[in-house]
């Protein structure tokens, strides 16, 4: 739990764990008999993996994906032994025993990682689980076609390894009509024939919406759990998860022709009331939102004027009554009126970056029907 005193913090970040769980259940319902995991890498996309993962476990999630070994080690103590934690980047050389000691499951992405995991299991008298990832066309992580051919000629390659899943990752799932989706699917199906028979995991958040052919045995949603639209340009079936409220520090009247902020980049076209709010790019409110972003108070949209500073932004509150923005007033920067995807569009980025940029100076409040 964040120890920052809410009176002293410059902003309040509310994270709705119930909404995250509801989003997982919505995605699970789309999968029919396919199981549904949760990707909680990057501290659950910036929202706190040690709070998010236990909440998801309570509603039935048993498979959790992180990126780095350290993330898995940090998460292991807050989840029951029955929860599987997979390390998607595999293991740094020499970290195999530590991974096994913490009850984590590596995703093996190369011949070297397979050899190291097999060598570690030798002499233990039992197989240890791992996921084997193949590159189906993204050219990022996973076994190449050449490496798969090498493995197919090595009958002892997986001695001591219990292959929990064969895995790959979609590059263009958020573009349903992109030809790469079908090409990757065909490549993945062919690659599985060259590996030990095992369940498969292929679909990310957007991949779930490509249909049953992409679902296999386990889907791995990430961003959709946290409210990001899984299919851009279509209605978002996910509930919003975060609300960011910045505190008004001061409100002033600037006359027509007066400039505001660094480089005096915004000039008031008329007499205006400008509120300075205690959030800036040091808090993950991206600098690219300068002159493009907006805030909300109730149902009133308020334009961000001038540049985003390290610790502050300036908002034109002329549309509000004079007493509406007294010092300490909370103004919405992320909310159901102005979602993660809305802010991302204004910033020229994606919702993933908005979430993972959220800073640590906020007072964080978790909404949870069953508090941890």
Protein backbone atom coordinates (compact mmCIF):
# COMPACT_ATOMS: atom_id res chain seq x y z
CA UNK A 1 0.00 0.00 0.00
CA UNK A 2 1.28 3.48 -0.85
CA UNK A 3 2.41 5.21 2.36
CA UNK A 4 1.96 8.73 0.99
CA UNK A 5 -0.40 10.79 3.11
CA UNK A 6 -3.41 11.70 0.95
CA UNK A 7 -3.35 15.21 2.39
CA UNK A 8 0.24 15.65 1.23
CA UNK A 9 0.01 13.94 -2.16
CA UNK A 10 -0.46 15.97 -5.31
CA UNK A 11 -2.93 13.57 -6.87
CA UNK A 12 -5.09 10.54 -6.18
CA UNK A 13 -4.96 7.37 -8.29
CA UNK A 14 -7.90 5.01 -7.75
CA UNK A 15 -7.48 1.45 -9.04
CA UNK A 16 -10.65 -0.62 -9.27
CA UNK A 17 -9.69 -4.24 -8.59
CA UNK A 18 -13.32 -5.29 -8.96
CA UNK A 19 -13.35 -3.87 -12.49
CA UNK A 20 -10.16 -5.77 -13.33
CA UNK A 21 -11.76 -8.99 -12.10
CA UNK A 22 -14.93 -8.24 -14.05
CA UNK A 23 -12.86 -7.69 -17.20
CA UNK A 24 -11.13 -11.04 -16.68
CA UNK A 25 -14.50 -12.76 -16.32
CA UNK A 26 -15.77 -11.09 -19.53
CA UNK A 27 -12.72 -12.32 -21.42
CA UNK A 28 -12.99 -15.79 -19.89
CA UNK A 29 -16.61 -15.99 -21.03
CA UNK A 30 -15.52 -15.34 -24.64
CA UNK A 31 -13.15 -18.30 -24.52
CA UNK A 32 -15.64 -21.12 -23.96
CA UNK A 33 -13.55 -24.08 -22.76
CA UNK A 34 -10.21 -22.30 -23.17
CA UNK A 35 -8.57 -21.26 -19.91
CA UNK A 36 -7.74 -17.62 -19.25
CA UNK A 37 -4.49 -16.34 -17.76
CA UNK A 38 -3.55 -12.82 -16.65
CA UNK A 39 -0.48 -10.91 -17.77
CA UNK A 40 0.76 -8.96 -14.75
CA UNK A 41 4.18 -7.92 -16.03
CA UNK A 42 5.47 -4.38 -15.45
CA UNK A 43 3.79 -4.39 -12.02
CA UNK A 44 0.42 -5.26 -13.59
CA UNK A 45 0.87 -2.52 -16.20
CA UNK A 46 1.73 -0.04 -13.45
CA UNK A 47 -1.25 -0.80 -11.23
CA UNK A 48 0.35 -3.04 -8.60
CA UNK A 49 0.84 -6.74 -9.31
CA UNK A 50 0.85 -7.69 -5.63
CA UNK A 51 -2.70 -6.33 -5.35
CA UNK A 52 -4.01 -7.27 -8.79
CA UNK A 53 -2.89 -10.91 -8.94
CA UNK A 54 -4.46 -12.06 -5.63
CA UNK A 55 -7.74 -10.39 -6.61
CA UNK A 56 -7.73 -12.28 -9.92
CA UNK A 57 -6.87 -15.53 -8.15
CA UNK A 58 -9.98 -15.14 -6.01
CA UNK A 59 -12.21 -15.10 -9.11
CA UNK A 60 -10.58 -18.15 -10.65
CA UNK A 61 -7.39 -17.13 -12.47
CA UNK A 62 -4.63 -19.69 -11.99
CA UNK A 63 -2.08 -18.68 -14.62
CA UNK A 64 0.00 -15.48 -14.35
CA UNK A 65 2.62 -14.15 -16.74
CA UNK A 66 5.45 -11.77 -15.87
CA UNK A 67 8.33 -10.59 -18.02
CA UNK A 68 11.37 -10.87 -15.73
CA UNK A 69 12.52 -13.39 -13.14
CA UNK A 70 12.62 -10.66 -10.49
CA UNK A 71 8.95 -9.89 -11.12
CA UNK A 72 8.06 -13.53 -10.56
CA UNK A 73 10.10 -13.75 -7.36
CA UNK A 74 8.34 -10.65 -6.03
CA UNK A 75 4.90 -12.02 -6.93
CA UNK A 76 5.33 -15.58 -5.65
CA UNK A 77 4.73 -14.87 -1.90
CA UNK A 78 1.29 -13.29 -2.48
CA UNK A 79 -0.14 -16.17 -4.54
CA UNK A 80 -1.01 -19.71 -3.41
CA UNK A 81 1.19 -22.58 -4.53
CA UNK A 82 -1.55 -23.61 -6.96
CA UNK A 83 -1.02 -20.47 -9.04
CA UNK A 84 1.44 -20.90 -11.91
CA UNK A 85 3.77 -17.95 -12.58
CA UNK A 86 5.47 -17.93 -15.98
CA UNK A 87 8.57 -15.85 -16.80
CA UNK A 88 8.16 -14.79 -20.42
CA UNK A 89 11.71 -13.60 -21.05
CA UNK A 90 13.14 -16.89 -19.90
CA UNK A 91 16.11 -16.87 -17.57
CA UNK A 92 19.44 -15.08 -17.46
CA UNK A 93 22.30 -17.60 -17.64
CA UNK A 94 22.89 -19.10 -14.22
CA UNK A 95 19.46 -18.22 -12.79
CA UNK A 96 17.86 -21.61 -13.42
CA UNK A 97 18.15 -22.95 -9.86
CA UNK A 98 16.78 -19.72 -8.40
CA UNK A 99 13.78 -19.91 -10.71
CA UNK A 100 13.07 -23.47 -9.62
CA UNK A 101 13.56 -22.61 -5.94
CA UNK A 102 10.81 -20.01 -6.15
CA UNK A 103 8.40 -22.33 -7.93
CA UNK A 104 8.39 -20.31 -11.15
CA UNK A 105 8.04 -21.64 -14.70
CA UNK A 106 10.35 -20.24 -17.39
CA UNK A 107 9.37 -19.59 -20.98
CA UNK A 108 12.23 -21.10 -22.96
CA UNK A 109 12.96 -18.95 -26.00
CA UNK A 110 16.17 -20.38 -27.39
CA UNK A 111 18.23 -23.54 -27.66
CA UNK A 112 20.55 -22.14 -25.01
CA UNK A 113 17.70 -21.66 -22.55
CA UNK A 114 16.39 -25.17 -23.24
CA UNK A 115 19.87 -26.65 -22.70
CA UNK A 116 20.36 -24.74 -19.44
CA UNK A 117 16.95 -25.76 -18.03
CA UNK A 118 17.54 -29.41 -19.04
CA UNK A 119 21.00 -29.37 -17.42
CA UNK A 120 19.56 -27.97 -14.20
CA UNK A 121 16.92 -30.71 -14.02
CA UNK A 122 19.47 -33.51 -14.44
CA UNK A 123 19.81 -35.56 -11.29
CA UNK A 124 16.69 -34.15 -9.64
CA UNK A 125 14.70 -37.30 -10.37
CA UNK A 126 11.65 -35.43 -11.63
CA UNK A 127 10.74 -33.29 -14.56
CA UNK A 128 10.35 -29.55 -14.11
CA UNK A 129 7.79 -27.54 -16.09
CA UNK A 130 8.55 -24.97 -18.75
CA UNK A 131 6.82 -23.25 -21.64
CA UNK A 132 8.51 -23.45 -25.05
CA UNK A 133 8.04 -20.40 -27.23
CA UNK A 134 8.31 -20.44 -31.02
CA UNK A 135 8.69 -17.43 -33.31
CA UNK A 136 5.67 -17.58 -35.61
CA UNK A 137 6.55 -14.39 -37.47
CA UNK A 138 7.19 -11.56 -35.01
CA UNK A 139 10.99 -12.03 -35.00
CA UNK A 140 11.30 -11.05 -31.37
CA UNK A 141 11.46 -14.00 -28.96
CA UNK A 142 11.11 -17.72 -29.52
CA UNK A 143 12.67 -20.58 -31.44
CA UNK A 144 13.36 -19.92 -35.09
CA UNK A 145 12.53 -22.38 -37.87
CA UNK A 146 16.20 -23.38 -37.97
CA UNK A 147 16.26 -24.05 -34.23
CA UNK A 148 13.07 -26.10 -34.48
CA UNK A 149 14.69 -28.26 -37.14
CA UNK A 150 17.69 -28.81 -34.90
CA UNK A 151 15.43 -29.86 -32.03
CA UNK A 152 13.51 -32.29 -34.21
CA UNK A 153 16.75 -34.26 -34.72
CA UNK A 154 17.56 -34.36 -30.99
CA UNK A 155 15.33 -36.88 -29.18
CA UNK A 156 16.84 -36.01 -25.78
CA UNK A 157 16.37 -32.24 -26.13
CA UNK A 158 13.53 -32.15 -23.59
CA UNK A 159 14.76 -34.78 -21.14
CA UNK A 160 13.84 -33.60 -17.64
CA UNK A 161 11.49 -30.93 -19.01
CA UNK A 162 7.70 -31.14 -18.71
CA UNK A 163 6.44 -28.91 -21.51
CA UNK A 164 3.44 -27.16 -19.96
CA UNK A 165 2.56 -25.19 -23.10
CA UNK A 166 3.89 -24.35 -26.53
CA UNK A 167 3.58 -20.59 -26.97
CA UNK A 168 3.84 -17.86 -29.56
CA UNK A 169 2.84 -14.20 -29.74
CA UNK A 170 0.74 -12.30 -32.27
CA UNK A 171 2.20 -9.17 -33.83
CA UNK A 172 -0.94 -7.64 -35.38
CA UNK A 173 -3.87 -8.99 -33.36
CA UNK A 174 -5.25 -5.49 -32.84
CA UNK A 175 -5.75 -5.31 -36.62
CA UNK A 176 -8.28 -8.12 -37.23
CA UNK A 177 -7.96 -8.01 -41.03
CA UNK A 178 -4.17 -8.01 -41.12
CA UNK A 179 -2.90 -10.98 -43.17
CA UNK A 180 -0.14 -11.58 -40.62
CA UNK A 181 -2.69 -13.06 -38.21
CA UNK A 182 -3.57 -15.99 -40.47
CA UNK A 183 0.07 -16.43 -41.47
CA UNK A 184 1.19 -16.60 -37.85
CA UNK A 185 -1.58 -19.03 -37.01
CA UNK A 186 -0.49 -21.38 -39.80
CA UNK A 187 3.14 -21.09 -38.72
CA UNK A 188 2.27 -21.80 -35.10
CA UNK A 189 0.25 -24.89 -35.99
CA UNK A 190 3.14 -26.21 -38.09
CA UNK A 191 5.69 -25.45 -35.37
CA UNK A 192 3.75 -27.43 -32.76
CA UNK A 193 4.17 -30.58 -34.86
CA UNK A 194 7.95 -30.33 -34.38
CA UNK A 195 7.78 -30.15 -30.58
CA UNK A 196 6.63 -32.48 -27.80
CA UNK A 197 2.86 -32.80 -27.72
CA UNK A 198 1.57 -30.17 -25.28
CA UNK A 199 -1.23 -27.63 -24.81
CA UNK A 200 -0.83 -24.31 -26.59
CA UNK A 201 -1.13 -20.63 -25.71
CA UNK A 202 -1.30 -18.06 -28.49
CA UNK A 203 -3.89 -15.30 -28.06
CA UNK A 204 -3.21 -12.04 -26.24
CA UNK A 205 -5.98 -9.54 -25.38
CA UNK A 206 -6.74 -8.68 -28.99
CA UNK A 207 -6.14 -12.25 -30.12
CA UNK A 208 -9.10 -13.39 -28.04
CA UNK A 209 -11.32 -11.34 -30.36
CA UNK A 210 -9.91 -12.99 -33.50
CA UNK A 211 -12.05 -16.04 -32.82
CA UNK A 212 -11.82 -19.64 -31.58
CA UNK A 213 -9.14 -20.69 -34.07
CA UNK A 214 -6.69 -18.50 -32.12
CA UNK A 215 -7.72 -19.57 -28.62
CA UNK A 216 -6.09 -23.00 -28.23
CA UNK A 217 -5.80 -24.05 -24.55
CA UNK A 218 -4.82 -20.85 -22.72
CA UNK A 219 -5.26 -17.17 -23.61
CA UNK A 220 -3.02 -14.47 -22.15
CA UNK A 221 -4.86 -11.14 -21.85
CA UNK A 222 -2.96 -8.17 -20.50
CA UNK A 223 -3.99 -4.65 -21.42
CA UNK A 224 -7.69 -5.48 -21.77
CA UNK A 225 -7.77 -6.49 -18.11
CA UNK A 226 -6.81 -2.92 -17.27
CA UNK A 227 -9.46 -1.27 -19.43
CA UNK A 228 -7.59 -0.76 -22.71
CA UNK A 229 -9.79 -1.41 -25.76
CA UNK A 230 -8.77 -4.80 -27.23
CA UNK A 231 -9.93 -3.88 -30.75
CA UNK A 232 -9.19 -0.24 -31.59
CA UNK A 233 -12.03 1.56 -33.34
CA UNK A 234 -14.71 -0.76 -31.98
CA UNK A 235 -16.83 -0.36 -28.83
CA UNK A 236 -14.78 -1.24 -25.78
CA UNK A 237 -16.32 -4.15 -23.82
CA UNK A 238 -13.91 -3.59 -20.94
CA UNK A 239 -14.72 -1.59 -17.82
CA UNK A 240 -12.48 1.38 -17.00
CA UNK A 241 -10.11 0.52 -14.19
CA UNK A 242 -8.26 3.70 -13.22
CA UNK A 243 -9.24 7.17 -12.14
CA UNK A 244 -6.53 9.82 -11.82
CA UNK A 245 -7.44 13.05 -10.03
CA UNK A 246 -5.00 15.93 -9.78
CA UNK A 247 -5.22 18.58 -7.08
CA UNK A 248 -5.70 22.23 -7.86
CA UNK A 249 -2.89 24.23 -6.27
CA UNK A 250 -3.89 27.71 -7.34
CA UNK A 251 -6.26 29.47 -9.74
CA UNK A 252 -5.49 32.84 -11.32
CA UNK A 253 -7.02 35.20 -13.86
CA UNK A 254 -4.88 35.93 -16.89
CA UNK A 255 -5.75 38.77 -19.21
CA UNK A 256 -6.17 38.49 -22.97
CA UNK A 257 -2.73 38.30 -24.57
CA UNK A 258 -1.01 36.89 -21.46
CA UNK A 259 1.12 33.78 -21.95
CA UNK A 260 1.21 30.67 -19.76
CA UNK A 261 3.89 28.12 -18.96
CA UNK A 262 7.35 27.27 -20.24
CA UNK A 263 8.31 28.96 -23.50
CA UNK A 264 5.10 31.01 -23.11
CA UNK A 265 3.66 28.65 -25.71
CA UNK A 266 -0.02 29.38 -25.00
CA UNK A 267 -1.43 32.89 -25.21
CA UNK A 268 -4.87 33.61 -23.76
CA UNK A 269 -7.27 34.70 -26.53
CA UNK A 270 -9.46 36.33 -23.88
CA UNK A 271 -9.44 36.87 -20.13
CA UNK A 272 -9.29 33.35 -18.67
CA UNK A 273 -9.13 31.56 -15.35
CA UNK A 274 -6.20 29.13 -15.22
CA UNK A 275 -5.86 26.42 -12.59
CA UNK A 276 -2.42 24.99 -11.83
CA UNK A 277 -2.74 21.27 -11.03
CA UNK A 278 -0.15 19.20 -9.18
CA UNK A 279 0.64 16.56 -11.82
CA UNK A 280 3.41 16.56 -14.40
CA UNK A 281 5.62 14.41 -16.56
CA UNK A 282 7.50 13.22 -13.46
CA UNK A 283 4.20 11.55 -12.55
CA UNK A 284 3.78 9.92 -15.95
CA UNK A 285 1.47 12.59 -17.35
CA UNK A 286 3.19 12.68 -20.71
CA UNK A 287 4.79 15.86 -21.99
CA UNK A 288 3.21 15.27 -25.40
CA UNK A 289 -0.17 16.13 -23.85
CA UNK A 290 0.82 19.80 -23.66
CA UNK A 291 -1.77 21.86 -25.53
CA UNK A 292 -3.63 18.68 -26.50
CA UNK A 293 -4.83 17.04 -23.31
CA UNK A 294 -7.88 17.81 -21.24
CA UNK A 295 -9.29 17.39 -17.76
CA UNK A 296 -12.80 17.03 -16.45
CA UNK A 297 -14.72 18.34 -13.48
CA UNK A 298 -18.06 16.60 -13.34
CA UNK A 299 -19.29 16.55 -16.94
CA UNK A 300 -17.37 19.64 -18.03
CA UNK A 301 -14.32 19.18 -20.27
CA UNK A 302 -11.47 21.56 -19.51
CA UNK A 303 -8.57 22.11 -21.95
CA UNK A 304 -4.97 21.76 -20.90
CA UNK A 305 -3.15 24.95 -21.93
CA UNK A 306 0.58 25.46 -22.19
CA UNK A 307 3.24 22.82 -21.70
CA UNK A 308 3.29 19.92 -19.29
CA UNK A 309 5.95 20.65 -16.68
CA UNK A 310 7.76 18.20 -14.46
CA UNK A 311 5.34 18.68 -11.57
CA UNK A 312 2.44 20.76 -12.89
CA UNK A 313 -0.06 21.33 -15.66
CA UNK A 314 -2.27 24.34 -16.32
CA UNK A 315 -5.96 23.96 -17.08
CA UNK A 316 -8.37 26.55 -18.48
CA UNK A 317 -11.28 26.46 -16.02
CA UNK A 318 -13.11 29.49 -17.37
CA UNK A 319 -16.19 27.34 -18.08
CA UNK A 320 -16.66 26.64 -14.36
CA UNK A 321 -18.04 28.81 -11.56
CA UNK A 322 -15.35 30.80 -9.78
CA UNK A 323 -15.62 28.76 -6.58
CA UNK A 324 -15.40 25.39 -8.35
CA UNK A 325 -11.60 25.12 -8.33
CA UNK A 326 -10.53 26.17 -4.85
CA UNK A 327 -7.13 24.84 -3.69
CA UNK A 328 -7.37 21.11 -3.03
CA UNK A 329 -10.15 20.51 -5.57
CA UNK A 330 -9.67 17.21 -7.43
CA UNK A 331 -9.88 17.38 -11.23
CA UNK A 332 -10.16 14.20 -13.32
CA UNK A 333 -7.30 13.44 -15.71
CA UNK A 334 -8.29 9.78 -16.24
CA UNK A 335 -11.88 8.73 -15.69
CA UNK A 336 -14.86 7.09 -17.42
CA UNK A 337 -15.36 10.47 -19.17
CA UNK A 338 -11.76 10.51 -20.35
CA UNK A 339 -10.39 6.98 -20.59
CA UNK A 340 -6.89 5.59 -20.90
CA UNK A 341 -7.45 5.22 -24.64
CA UNK A 342 -8.74 8.81 -24.93
CA UNK A 343 -5.64 10.16 -23.20
CA UNK A 344 -3.42 7.94 -25.34
CA UNK A 345 -5.00 9.34 -28.51
CA UNK A 346 -4.34 12.89 -27.31
CA UNK A 347 -0.74 11.98 -26.47
CA UNK A 348 -0.11 10.20 -29.78
CA UNK A 349 0.60 6.87 -28.11
CA UNK A 350 -1.22 3.76 -26.85
CA UNK A 351 -3.05 3.01 -23.62
CA UNK A 352 -0.28 0.63 -22.55
CA UNK A 353 2.17 3.52 -22.25
CA UNK A 354 -0.28 5.69 -20.34
CA UNK A 355 -0.84 2.96 -17.74
CA UNK A 356 2.77 1.90 -17.33
CA UNK A 357 3.90 5.52 -17.01
CA UNK A 358 1.71 6.25 -13.97
CA UNK A 359 4.04 7.51 -11.27
CA UNK A 360 4.71 6.70 -7.64
CA UNK A 361 3.96 10.09 -6.09
CA UNK A 362 0.22 9.52 -6.28
CA UNK A 363 -1.78 8.45 -3.27
CA UNK A 364 -3.06 5.07 -4.48
CA UNK A 365 -6.46 3.82 -3.42
CA UNK A 366 -7.64 0.30 -4.27
CA UNK A 367 -11.34 -0.45 -4.63
CA UNK A 368 -11.84 -4.09 -3.72
CA UNK A 369 -14.98 -5.87 -2.54
CA UNK A 370 -12.77 -8.35 -0.67
CA UNK A 371 -9.88 -6.32 0.76
CA UNK A 372 -6.50 -8.03 0.98
